[in-house]
Amino acid sequence: MTYSFDIFDTCLIRKCGQAKNVFDVLAERVFVKPVSTECKRAFVAARIEAEERSWSNNQNLSDIYEAFHFSHEDLRSNDELIALEKEVEQEMLCPLPAMVEKIDSLRKAGHRIMFISDMYLEKDFLLPILKDAGLWEEGDAIYVSCEYGATKASGELYKIIQQHENIAYKEWHHYGDNVNSDVKVPCKLGIHTHLVSYGYTPYQQTMREMPSLHYQWGSMLAGISRSIALQSERSAHKDFMLDIIAPLFVSFVYRVMADAQHKGVQSLYFCARDAYPFYRIALKFQTLFPDVSIHYLYISRTSLYEGDEETKVGYFKQIGLATQSNKNAIVDVRSSGKTLQVLNEILTRNGFKSLYGYFFEVCPKTTEQLDGLDYYTELDDLYLNHLSIALRKLPSNWYMYELYFPLNTQKRTIGYVHNGKEYEPVLDAEDKKEYRLDNLQEHVIWRNDALDAYTDDFVQLGLHHYADDIFRLYALPQLANFFLFPDKHYLKALNEFYGLHPNRGYIPYVDNSFLHLPLNVLKHHTMWKRGTIFYSLPTWLSKWLYKGK
């Protein structure tokens, strides 16, 4: 039996999402000097137009660039553009482990393996990529439309392959993602067809459909999330991390580092434990901001309020937090402003410079707590301006930012000690957590790896240049919409996550108990009543109940 496979979006997917998004990534590299966004968009439009103008059954990349009509004094030569496009295309492609495994099992069972593509990139370019991905072995065959002057879409490429391979259509199985060229057309010839689909999650699809001012940012963000998720078995936890948390955290940390560089901040100190994911992201961005050093600050309320001040100051001096010359700042997820206030009191009392603060949310009990503090926060900026009903819901879900979003296994700092050579933090051996999640270690390891990969892809796709817009126009609205009308797919992750209730012990954040419990019981049965209602009822009914609220 012979088994053939389409290449793109079947065996290999692009981390940038759609094929045309490759040109957005390419536009970041084709100019010798920085140019305007409008200029980059003009390049992308010209590249797409050239492909349409030069179309033929044996179209290749050289044909496309011969029809490319766009001039700019800082644009590279056509030969350089061709090389760069191939470079970007190769960087964007990643294999699907499930398909690698399937093809390997078929090959071991003695079946013939072929790869077929309607594509302007030649076999010599595709073959090394297939080999590196573990998809190709000697003895396999590859057929690309540009080298045969025939396409799958017309059916002619299948006919050429049938004659070349001397196989019967009824003994041929084909896998592909295109309903027409991979299913309908070969099916008419008598080939057994199998539609392959790597769908987008609900919020990935929402991202793809969000309007873009210049680039297909939403489509590219969805592409990153999907490509990482498909590298392993999917779950609601992973999708929550990649679709909601990662776009928010990565764009936020980049904004913090860019602002720190602008303000002349020399060192950023990420507060244990909540800011640990921020710290990992910042390390990935370090090469982009060589003048801003990154540190992990072991600190907690206990370590600030207890113990002798001399030891605290000794530790702060040792790590460079306490200085008379440098401008330093701390970074945390949530704060009442008290941590920054107490730190600055200790530092200034001992003759050191005060610190600046970066927070995702500042939540003071009184405005007086913030008097004299120099800081920036996102949610304070947003909800005090009352931008929308959805955004005003963000502050009420503080426990999500503080517990579920920064999920990690870092231990709580309870003080500092001098071991005779240096100061070191003392960590709580028991470290009773305010939450519970089965297989926590496994979840955290995957989260760390996924966050690292997401940050790498974010930079590789050039999205860091637009971090401000991505944060404001995509990441925050996505988060706000989740809190306003949460999707059931992501609520499954919270169903397995438990928060520590002061009277009831560990209780789930959400479950589907709404129809079985009276409201007075429901109020204390889960951590998030709104989420439980959306999880329990049909979405249309939940939205009706909460319309305008």
Protein backbone atom coordinates (compact mmCIF):
# COMPACT_ATOMS: atom_id res chain seq x y z
CA MET A 1 0.00 0.00 0.00
CA THR A 2 1.15 3.55 -0.76
CA TYR A 3 0.61 6.45 1.63
CA SER A 4 1.15 10.04 0.57
CA PHE A 5 1.12 13.19 2.69
CA ASP A 6 0.67 16.84 1.96
CA ILE A 7 3.56 18.78 3.51
CA PHE A 8 2.32 22.18 4.73
CA ASP A 9 -0.30 22.20 7.51
CA THR A 10 -0.28 18.40 7.44
CA CYS A 11 3.24 17.29 8.34
CA LEU A 12 4.67 20.74 9.06
CA ILE A 13 2.90 23.79 10.46
CA ARG A 14 4.04 27.39 10.60
CA LYS A 15 4.49 29.00 14.01
CA CYS A 16 3.41 32.30 12.46
CA GLY A 17 0.00 30.83 11.59
CA GLN A 18 -1.17 31.42 8.02
CA ALA A 19 1.23 31.09 5.08
CA LYS A 20 0.93 34.79 4.18
CA ASN A 21 2.13 35.75 7.67
CA VAL A 22 5.59 34.61 6.56
CA PHE A 23 5.78 37.87 4.60
CA ASP A 24 5.09 39.93 7.74
CA VAL A 25 8.04 38.24 9.43
CA LEU A 26 10.11 38.70 6.28
CA ALA A 27 9.29 42.42 6.18
CA GLU A 28 11.17 42.88 9.46
CA ARG A 29 14.41 41.69 7.84
CA VAL A 30 14.47 42.88 4.24
CA PHE A 31 15.51 46.48 4.85
CA VAL A 32 19.08 47.50 5.57
CA LYS A 33 17.91 50.29 7.91
CA PRO A 34 14.79 50.73 10.05
CA VAL A 35 11.77 51.86 8.03
CA SER A 36 8.18 52.83 8.79
CA THR A 37 5.40 50.32 9.33
CA GLU A 38 3.72 51.64 6.17
CA CYS A 39 6.85 50.80 4.18
CA LYS A 40 6.87 47.25 5.53
CA ARG A 41 3.20 46.86 4.64
CA ALA A 42 3.91 48.09 1.11
CA PHE A 43 6.63 45.41 0.79
CA VAL A 44 4.21 42.68 1.92
CA ALA A 45 1.54 43.85 -0.53
CA ALA A 46 4.09 43.88 -3.38
CA ARG A 47 5.29 40.37 -2.49
CA ILE A 48 1.72 38.99 -2.52
CA GLU A 49 0.97 40.77 -5.80
CA ALA A 50 4.13 39.35 -7.40
CA GLU A 51 3.04 35.82 -6.57
CA GLU A 52 -0.36 36.42 -8.14
CA ARG A 53 1.15 38.09 -11.23
CA SER A 54 3.65 35.30 -11.89
CA TRP A 55 1.29 32.37 -11.26
CA SER A 56 1.79 29.22 -13.33
CA ASN A 57 1.81 25.49 -12.63
CA ASN A 58 5.61 25.47 -12.44
CA GLN A 59 5.97 28.75 -10.55
CA ASN A 60 9.05 28.95 -8.29
CA LEU A 61 10.47 31.61 -6.00
CA SER A 62 12.71 33.08 -8.73
CA ASP A 63 9.66 33.58 -10.96
CA ILE A 64 7.92 35.44 -8.14
CA TYR A 65 10.78 37.85 -7.56
CA GLU A 66 11.17 38.50 -11.28
CA ALA A 67 7.59 39.83 -11.10
CA PHE A 68 8.29 41.73 -7.87
CA HIS A 69 7.93 45.49 -8.38
CA PHE A 70 8.82 47.40 -5.26
CA SER A 71 11.75 49.74 -4.85
CA HIS A 72 13.25 51.36 -1.80
CA GLU A 73 16.74 52.69 -1.23
CA ASP A 74 17.20 50.47 1.84
CA LEU A 75 15.68 47.30 0.36
CA ARG A 76 18.02 44.37 -0.21
CA SER A 77 18.63 42.88 -3.66
CA ASN A 78 16.31 40.24 -5.16
CA ASP A 79 18.88 37.50 -4.60
CA GLU A 80 19.11 38.50 -0.95
CA LEU A 81 15.30 38.61 -0.70
CA ILE A 82 15.02 35.07 -2.06
CA ALA A 83 17.62 33.82 0.42
CA LEU A 84 15.93 35.65 3.30
CA GLU A 85 12.49 34.31 2.40
CA LYS A 86 13.81 30.76 2.41
CA GLU A 87 15.50 31.43 5.73
CA VAL A 88 12.30 32.76 7.29
CA GLU A 89 10.17 29.96 5.83
CA GLN A 90 12.53 27.36 7.29
CA GLU A 91 12.50 29.07 10.71
CA MET A 92 8.71 29.16 10.77
CA LEU A 93 8.20 25.46 10.03
CA CYS A 94 7.92 22.90 12.80
CA PRO A 95 6.92 19.22 12.60
CA LEU A 96 3.82 17.63 14.09
CA PRO A 97 5.02 14.84 16.41
CA ALA A 98 1.76 12.91 15.92
CA MET A 99 2.30 12.85 12.15
CA VAL A 100 5.97 11.91 12.52
CA GLU A 101 4.89 8.95 14.63
CA LYS A 102 2.15 7.92 12.18
CA ILE A 103 4.44 8.01 9.15
CA ASP A 104 7.13 6.09 11.01
CA SER A 105 4.67 3.34 11.97
CA LEU A 106 3.41 3.04 8.38
CA ARG A 107 6.96 2.86 7.06
CA LYS A 108 7.86 0.15 9.57
CA ALA A 109 4.81 -1.81 8.44
CA GLY A 110 6.33 -1.90 4.94
CA HIS A 111 4.21 0.76 3.22
CA ARG A 112 5.52 3.16 0.58
CA ILE A 113 5.73 6.81 1.81
CA MET A 114 5.44 9.88 -0.42
CA PHE A 115 5.24 13.64 0.19
CA ILE A 116 3.28 15.86 -2.22
CA SER A 117 2.89 19.64 -2.29
CA ASP A 118 1.52 22.42 -4.45
CA MET A 119 4.35 24.82 -3.71
CA TYR A 120 6.80 27.25 -5.34
CA LEU A 121 9.63 26.01 -3.09
CA GLU A 122 11.63 23.25 -4.73
CA LYS A 123 12.42 19.77 -3.52
CA ASP A 124 16.02 20.73 -2.68
CA PHE A 125 14.69 23.23 -0.15
CA LEU A 126 11.99 21.00 1.35
CA LEU A 127 13.93 17.76 1.63
CA PRO A 128 16.43 18.87 4.33
CA ILE A 129 13.55 20.27 6.38
CA LEU A 130 11.66 16.98 6.18
CA LYS A 131 14.83 15.10 7.15
CA ASP A 132 15.56 17.36 10.13
CA ALA A 133 11.94 16.96 11.25
CA GLY A 134 12.26 13.16 11.29
CA LEU A 135 9.65 12.80 8.55
CA TRP A 136 11.86 11.67 5.65
CA GLU A 137 13.91 8.53 5.19
CA GLU A 138 15.85 7.23 2.19
CA GLY A 139 13.49 5.39 -0.14
CA ASP A 140 10.63 7.87 0.35
CA ALA A 141 9.48 9.99 -2.59
CA ILE A 142 8.68 13.70 -2.89
CA TYR A 143 6.72 15.49 -5.61
CA VAL A 144 6.41 19.30 -5.76
CA SER A 145 4.18 21.10 -8.27
CA CYS A 146 6.78 23.65 -9.37
CA GLU A 147 9.08 20.86 -10.60
CA TYR A 148 6.41 18.98 -12.57
CA GLY A 149 4.32 21.83 -13.98
CA ALA A 150 1.22 20.22 -12.51
CA THR A 151 -0.80 20.68 -9.32
CA LYS A 152 -2.79 18.63 -6.88
CA ALA A 153 -5.65 21.10 -7.24
CA SER A 154 -6.08 20.22 -10.93
CA GLY A 155 -5.53 16.51 -10.32
CA GLU A 156 -2.70 16.40 -12.86
CA LEU A 157 0.04 15.96 -10.25
CA TYR A 158 -1.70 12.86 -8.89
CA LYS A 159 -1.89 11.42 -12.41
CA ILE A 160 1.81 12.05 -13.00
CA ILE A 161 2.68 10.36 -9.69
CA GLN A 162 0.44 7.38 -10.48
CA GLN A 163 2.27 6.78 -13.76
CA HIS A 164 5.71 7.42 -12.29
CA GLU A 165 5.14 5.14 -9.29
CA ASN A 166 3.08 2.62 -11.28
CA ILE A 167 0.52 2.25 -8.50
CA ALA A 168 -3.20 1.62 -8.58
CA TYR A 169 -5.38 4.44 -7.25
CA LYS A 170 -7.32 1.99 -5.09
CA GLU A 171 -4.08 1.02 -3.32
CA TRP A 172 -3.21 4.62 -2.53
CA HIS A 173 -4.08 6.59 0.64
CA HIS A 174 -3.55 10.37 0.78
CA TYR A 175 -3.55 12.67 3.84
CA GLY A 176 -3.91 16.44 3.64
CA ASP A 177 -5.57 19.54 5.06
CA ASN A 178 -7.11 21.05 1.92
CA VAL A 179 -10.71 19.92 1.33
CA ASN A 180 -10.43 20.39 -2.42
CA SER A 181 -6.88 19.47 -3.47
CA ASP A 182 -6.27 16.84 -0.76
CA VAL A 183 -9.73 15.26 -0.53
CA LYS A 184 -12.23 15.96 -3.31
CA VAL A 185 -9.83 15.90 -6.29
CA PRO A 186 -7.90 12.69 -5.39
CA CYS A 187 -11.13 11.02 -4.25
CA LYS A 188 -12.56 11.40 -7.77
CA LEU A 189 -9.53 9.50 -9.07
CA GLY A 190 -10.23 6.62 -6.69
CA ILE A 191 -7.58 7.48 -4.08
CA HIS A 192 -8.52 6.89 -0.45
CA THR A 193 -8.43 10.33 1.17
CA HIS A 194 -8.06 11.46 4.79
CA LEU A 195 -8.68 15.07 5.84
CA VAL A 196 -6.16 16.34 8.37
CA SER A 197 -7.17 19.24 10.58
CA TYR A 198 -5.26 20.90 13.39
CA GLY A 199 -7.99 23.20 14.60
CA TYR A 200 -7.62 26.36 16.61
CA THR A 201 -8.89 26.61 20.17
CA PRO A 202 -11.77 29.06 20.84
CA TYR A 203 -9.50 31.94 21.88
CA GLN A 204 -6.94 31.24 19.18
CA GLN A 205 -9.77 31.59 16.68
CA THR A 206 -10.86 34.81 18.41
CA MET A 207 -7.31 36.13 18.10
CA ARG A 208 -7.25 35.32 14.38
CA GLU A 209 -10.49 37.22 13.83
CA MET A 210 -9.49 40.34 15.75
CA PRO A 211 -8.99 43.30 13.39
CA SER A 212 -5.40 44.45 12.92
CA LEU A 213 -4.23 47.97 12.19
CA HIS A 214 -1.10 46.95 10.30
CA TYR A 215 0.03 43.34 10.75
CA GLN A 216 -1.79 40.06 11.30
CA TRP A 217 -0.76 40.10 14.95
CA GLY A 218 -3.71 38.04 16.18
CA SER A 219 -3.16 35.36 13.56
CA MET A 220 0.53 35.19 14.45
CA LEU A 221 -0.15 34.96 18.20
CA ALA A 222 -2.63 32.16 17.55
CA GLY A 223 -0.03 30.43 15.37
CA ILE A 224 2.55 30.50 18.16
CA SER A 225 0.10 29.08 20.69
CA ARG A 226 -1.13 26.33 18.36
CA SER A 227 2.33 25.23 17.22
CA ILE A 228 3.58 24.87 20.81
CA ALA A 229 0.41 23.10 21.96
CA LEU A 230 0.66 20.56 19.14
CA GLN A 231 4.13 19.48 20.21
CA SER A 232 2.55 17.41 23.00
CA GLU A 233 -0.79 16.07 24.13
CA ARG A 234 -3.23 18.94 24.44
CA SER A 235 -5.11 19.88 27.62
CA ALA A 236 -7.22 22.73 28.97
CA HIS A 237 -4.32 23.75 31.26
CA LYS A 238 -1.94 24.05 28.32
CA ASP A 239 -4.42 25.98 26.21
CA PHE A 240 -5.16 28.35 29.12
CA MET A 241 -1.46 28.98 29.49
CA LEU A 242 -0.78 29.53 25.79
CA ASP A 243 -3.94 31.42 24.82
CA ILE A 244 -4.50 33.66 27.84
CA ILE A 245 -1.46 33.86 30.11
CA ALA A 246 1.49 33.76 27.69
CA PRO A 247 0.41 36.64 25.37
CA LEU A 248 -0.29 38.77 28.43
CA PHE A 249 2.89 37.99 30.37
CA VAL A 250 5.29 38.13 27.42
CA SER A 251 4.06 41.45 26.05
CA PHE A 252 3.85 42.92 29.58
CA VAL A 253 7.44 42.00 30.47
CA TYR A 254 8.75 43.41 27.21
CA ARG A 255 6.92 46.67 27.93
CA VAL A 256 8.43 46.77 31.41
CA MET A 257 11.96 46.25 30.11
CA ALA A 258 11.53 48.82 27.33
CA ASP A 259 10.22 51.35 29.85
CA ALA A 260 13.06 50.55 32.26
CA GLN A 261 15.61 51.16 29.53
CA HIS A 262 13.89 54.43 28.63
CA LYS A 263 13.92 55.57 32.25
CA GLY A 264 17.56 54.65 32.74
CA VAL A 265 16.85 51.80 35.18
CA GLN A 266 20.01 49.71 35.40
CA SER A 267 18.64 46.64 37.21
CA LEU A 268 15.25 44.96 37.47
CA TYR A 269 14.55 42.74 40.48
CA PHE A 270 11.71 40.24 40.03
CA CYS A 271 10.03 39.46 43.34
CA ALA A 272 9.76 35.87 44.49
CA ARG A 273 7.51 33.94 44.02
CA ASP A 274 4.73 35.42 41.95
CA ALA A 275 7.04 37.21 39.51
CA TYR A 276 9.07 34.09 38.74
CA PRO A 277 7.40 33.63 35.29
CA PHE A 278 8.15 37.31 34.57
CA TYR A 279 11.78 36.63 35.51
CA ARG A 280 12.05 33.71 33.06
CA ILE A 281 10.63 35.83 30.26
CA ALA A 282 12.96 38.73 31.09
CA LEU A 283 15.99 36.44 30.81
CA LYS A 284 14.88 35.63 27.25
CA PHE A 285 14.68 39.35 26.45
CA GLN A 286 18.04 40.13 28.07
CA THR A 287 19.98 40.34 24.80
CA LEU A 288 17.53 42.95 23.52
CA PHE A 289 18.19 45.14 26.57
CA PRO A 290 21.89 44.71 27.39
CA ASP A 291 21.90 47.81 29.62
CA VAL A 292 19.24 46.43 31.96
CA SER A 293 20.43 43.60 34.22
CA ILE A 294 17.97 40.98 35.45
CA HIS A 295 17.81 39.57 38.98
CA TYR A 296 15.55 37.30 41.02
CA LEU A 297 14.79 38.87 44.39
CA TYR A 298 14.10 36.45 47.25
CA ILE A 299 11.57 38.38 49.28
CA SER A 300 8.25 38.04 51.10
CA ARG A 301 6.22 39.91 53.70
CA THR A 302 7.78 37.69 56.35
CA SER A 303 11.36 38.40 55.24
CA LEU A 304 10.63 42.14 55.17
CA TYR A 305 8.91 42.48 58.53
CA GLU A 306 10.85 39.92 60.59
CA GLY A 307 14.57 39.56 61.34
CA ASP A 308 17.20 42.21 61.93
CA GLU A 309 17.65 45.05 59.50
CA GLU A 310 21.42 44.69 59.26
CA THR A 311 21.06 41.23 57.72
CA LYS A 312 18.43 42.42 55.27
CA VAL A 313 20.58 45.35 54.19
CA GLY A 314 23.58 43.05 53.86
CA TYR A 315 21.64 40.81 51.47
CA PHE A 316 20.30 43.81 49.54
CA LYS A 317 23.84 45.22 49.17
CA GLN A 318 25.21 41.86 48.08
CA ILE A 319 22.72 41.51 45.20
CA GLY A 320 23.07 45.16 44.15
CA LEU A 321 19.57 46.20 45.21
CA ALA A 322 20.98 48.61 47.80
CA THR A 323 23.07 51.19 45.97
CA GLN A 324 23.92 54.88 46.22
CA SER A 325 24.31 55.35 42.48
CA ASN A 326 22.28 52.93 40.34
CA LYS A 327 18.61 53.34 39.54
CA ASN A 328 16.91 50.03 40.36
CA ALA A 329 13.32 48.77 40.22
CA ILE A 330 11.30 45.82 41.46
CA VAL A 331 8.73 43.91 39.38
CA ASP A 332 5.75 42.04 40.82
CA VAL A 333 2.33 40.78 39.79
CA ARG A 334 0.16 42.42 42.45
CA SER A 335 0.90 44.84 45.27
CA SER A 336 -0.81 47.12 47.74
CA GLY A 337 2.27 49.29 47.49
CA LYS A 338 3.37 48.16 50.95
CA THR A 339 6.32 46.03 49.78
CA LEU A 340 7.80 48.90 47.79
CA GLN A 341 7.14 51.31 50.66
CA VAL A 342 8.86 49.15 53.30
CA LEU A 343 11.79 48.37 51.00
CA ASN A 344 12.33 52.05 50.32
CA GLU A 345 12.10 52.89 54.01
CA ILE A 346 14.83 50.35 54.81
CA LEU A 347 17.03 51.51 51.93
CA THR A 348 16.76 55.26 52.49
CA ARG A 349 17.19 54.84 56.26
CA ASN A 350 20.55 53.23 55.52
CA GLY A 351 21.67 55.81 52.98
CA PHE A 352 20.70 54.03 49.76
CA LYS A 353 18.58 55.11 46.79
CA SER A 354 14.89 54.29 46.74
CA LEU A 355 13.42 51.91 44.17
CA TYR A 356 10.96 52.28 41.31
CA GLY A 357 8.16 49.70 41.00
CA TYR A 358 6.48 47.86 38.12
CA PHE A 359 3.26 45.97 38.86
CA PHE A 360 0.59 44.28 36.84
CA GLU A 361 -1.93 45.49 39.41
CA VAL A 362 -1.74 47.82 42.39
CA CYS A 363 -4.55 47.26 44.87
CA PRO A 364 -4.21 49.65 47.84
CA LYS A 365 -6.81 49.67 50.63
CA THR A 366 -6.44 53.44 50.75
CA THR A 367 -4.86 55.91 48.35
CA GLU A 368 -2.65 57.11 51.20
CA GLN A 369 -0.71 53.83 50.91
CA LEU A 370 0.63 55.03 47.56
CA ASP A 371 1.74 58.47 48.72
CA GLY A 372 5.37 59.12 47.82
CA LEU A 373 5.78 55.88 45.81
CA ASP A 374 7.23 55.96 42.31
CA TYR A 375 5.69 53.12 40.32
CA TYR A 376 3.78 52.00 37.22
CA THR A 377 0.86 49.57 37.11
CA GLU A 378 -1.31 48.33 34.27
CA LEU A 379 -4.69 47.67 35.87
CA ASP A 380 -4.75 50.84 37.91
CA ASP A 381 -4.20 52.75 34.69
CA LEU A 382 -7.00 50.87 32.96
CA TYR A 383 -9.79 50.49 35.47
CA LEU A 384 -9.48 54.00 36.89
CA ASN A 385 -10.20 55.26 33.38
CA HIS A 386 -13.25 52.96 33.04
CA LEU A 387 -12.44 51.93 29.50
CA SER A 388 -15.11 49.22 29.22
CA ILE A 389 -17.34 46.90 31.22
CA ALA A 390 -15.06 43.99 30.37
CA LEU A 391 -11.89 45.76 31.52
CA ARG A 392 -13.55 46.84 34.77
CA LYS A 393 -13.93 43.13 35.60
CA LEU A 394 -10.16 42.64 35.67
CA PRO A 395 -9.43 43.81 39.26
CA SER A 396 -12.09 41.54 40.79
CA ASN A 397 -10.13 38.44 39.73
CA TRP A 398 -6.98 39.25 41.65
CA TYR A 399 -6.64 35.71 43.05
CA MET A 400 -6.20 34.42 39.50
CA TYR A 401 -3.26 36.76 38.88
CA GLU A 402 -1.73 35.91 42.23
CA LEU A 403 -2.22 32.14 42.26
CA TYR A 404 -3.10 30.45 38.97
CA PHE A 405 -1.38 32.72 36.45
CA PRO A 406 2.11 32.68 38.04
CA LEU A 407 1.91 28.99 38.99
CA ASN A 408 5.38 27.75 40.02
CA THR A 409 7.16 25.60 42.57
CA GLN A 410 9.43 28.28 44.02
CA LYS A 411 9.55 28.18 47.83
CA ARG A 412 8.58 31.06 50.10
CA THR A 413 11.38 33.25 51.49
CA ILE A 414 11.21 33.58 55.29
CA GLY A 415 14.44 35.48 55.96
CA TYR A 416 18.16 35.84 55.29
CA VAL A 417 21.28 34.47 56.94
CA HIS A 418 25.01 35.03 56.66
CA ASN A 419 26.83 31.70 56.23
CA GLY A 420 30.28 33.11 57.01
CA LYS A 421 31.03 34.00 53.40
CA GLU A 422 27.89 35.58 52.01
CA TYR A 423 24.26 36.28 52.66
CA GLU A 424 21.72 33.80 51.42
CA PRO A 425 17.90 33.56 51.54
CA VAL A 426 16.23 31.16 53.94
CA LEU A 427 13.38 29.23 52.30
CA ASP A 428 10.36 27.74 54.03
CA ALA A 429 10.81 23.96 54.12
CA GLU A 430 7.09 23.25 54.55
CA ASP A 431 5.80 26.06 52.37
CA LYS A 432 2.06 25.48 52.70
CA LYS A 433 0.52 26.82 49.49
CA GLU A 434 -2.65 28.85 49.06
CA TYR A 435 -3.67 26.55 46.22
CA ARG A 436 -3.69 22.90 45.22
CA LEU A 437 -3.25 21.28 41.84
CA ASP A 438 -2.65 17.59 41.26
CA ASN A 439 0.62 16.84 39.43
CA LEU A 440 1.80 20.38 40.15
CA GLN A 441 5.44 19.64 39.31
CA GLU A 442 4.50 18.21 35.91
CA HIS A 443 2.30 21.21 35.11
CA VAL A 444 5.00 23.70 36.11
CA ILE A 445 7.75 22.00 34.09
CA TRP A 446 5.55 22.11 31.00
CA ARG A 447 4.58 25.74 31.69
CA ASN A 448 8.19 26.83 32.02
CA ASP A 449 9.19 25.14 28.78
CA ALA A 450 6.13 26.50 26.96
CA LEU A 451 6.72 30.03 28.24
CA ASP A 452 10.35 29.88 27.11
CA ALA A 453 9.29 28.66 23.66
CA TYR A 454 6.55 31.28 23.38
CA THR A 455 8.98 34.08 24.23
CA ASP A 456 11.53 32.82 21.70
CA ASP A 457 8.87 32.66 18.97
CA PHE A 458 7.53 36.09 19.95
CA VAL A 459 10.95 37.58 19.22
CA GLN A 460 11.64 35.43 16.16
CA LEU A 461 8.40 36.64 14.55
CA GLY A 462 9.31 40.25 15.34
CA LEU A 463 6.23 40.72 17.52
CA HIS A 464 8.28 42.37 20.27
CA HIS A 465 8.41 45.49 18.09
CA TYR A 466 4.66 45.80 18.60
CA ALA A 467 4.42 44.70 22.24
CA ASP A 468 2.48 47.81 23.27
CA ASP A 469 -0.25 47.28 20.69
CA ILE A 470 -0.37 43.54 21.28
CA PHE A 471 -0.75 44.04 25.03
CA ARG A 472 -3.49 46.68 24.69
CA LEU A 473 -5.37 45.40 21.65
CA TYR A 474 -5.09 41.62 22.03
CA ALA A 475 -3.78 40.27 25.33
CA LEU A 476 -5.76 42.45 27.75
CA PRO A 477 -9.06 42.32 25.83
CA GLN A 478 -8.70 38.54 25.61
CA LEU A 479 -8.23 38.37 29.36
CA ALA A 480 -11.10 40.77 30.01
CA ASN A 481 -13.45 38.80 27.76
CA PHE A 482 -12.56 35.62 29.61
CA PHE A 483 -13.50 37.16 32.94
CA LEU A 484 -16.67 38.67 31.46
CA PHE A 485 -17.90 35.64 29.47
CA PRO A 486 -15.54 32.71 30.24
CA ASP A 487 -15.34 29.94 27.67
CA LYS A 488 -16.04 26.42 28.94
CA HIS A 489 -12.91 25.02 27.31
CA TYR A 490 -10.68 27.09 29.60
CA LEU A 491 -12.90 26.64 32.65
CA LYS A 492 -11.98 22.95 32.53
CA ALA A 493 -8.49 23.94 33.66
CA LEU A 494 -9.84 25.82 36.68
CA ASN A 495 -12.06 22.88 37.59
CA GLU A 496 -8.88 21.02 38.54
CA PHE A 497 -7.42 23.98 40.44
CA TYR A 498 -8.26 24.55 44.11
CA GLY A 499 -7.96 27.71 46.16
CA LEU A 500 -7.62 27.81 49.95
CA HIS A 501 -10.86 29.13 51.47
CA PRO A 502 -10.44 30.55 55.02
CA ASN A 503 -13.30 28.41 56.39
CA ARG A 504 -13.82 25.55 53.94
CA GLY A 505 -10.27 24.48 53.14
CA TYR A 506 -9.36 23.78 49.51
CA ILE A 507 -12.31 24.34 47.19
CA PRO A 508 -12.41 24.30 43.37
CA TYR A 509 -12.29 27.56 41.48
CA VAL A 510 -15.20 26.41 39.34
CA ASP A 511 -17.34 23.32 38.80
CA ASN A 512 -20.62 22.42 37.13
CA SER A 513 -22.68 22.36 40.34
CA PHE A 514 -24.85 25.44 39.65
CA LEU A 515 -27.96 23.44 38.80
CA HIS A 516 -27.62 21.26 41.90
CA LEU A 517 -26.93 23.79 44.65
CA PRO A 518 -28.88 26.72 46.11
CA LEU A 519 -27.28 30.14 45.55
CA ASN A 520 -26.41 30.63 49.20
CA VAL A 521 -24.39 27.38 49.14
CA LEU A 522 -22.90 28.09 45.70
CA LYS A 523 -21.44 31.34 46.99
CA HIS A 524 -19.03 29.41 49.19
CA HIS A 525 -18.80 26.18 47.18
CA THR A 526 -16.40 27.47 44.53
CA MET A 527 -13.94 30.35 44.40
CA TRP A 528 -15.52 31.90 41.30
CA LYS A 529 -19.32 31.92 41.14
CA ARG A 530 -19.48 33.56 37.71
CA GLY A 531 -17.15 30.92 36.26
CA THR A 532 -19.21 28.14 37.83
CA ILE A 533 -22.41 29.49 36.28
CA PHE A 534 -20.82 29.67 32.82
CA TYR A 535 -19.40 26.18 33.30
CA SER A 536 -22.79 24.78 34.34
CA LEU A 537 -25.23 26.47 31.97
CA PRO A 538 -25.46 26.88 28.20
CA THR A 539 -23.31 29.83 27.16
CA TRP A 540 -26.25 31.79 25.71
CA LEU A 541 -28.15 31.50 28.97
CA SER A 542 -25.12 32.51 31.06
CA LYS A 543 -24.55 35.56 28.87
CA TRP A 544 -28.21 36.51 29.21
CA LEU A 545 -28.01 36.26 33.00
CA TYR A 546 -24.90 38.46 33.10
CA LYS A 547 -25.83 40.84 30.29
CA GLY A 548 -24.39 44.26 31.10
CA LYS A 549 -23.07 43.11 34.49
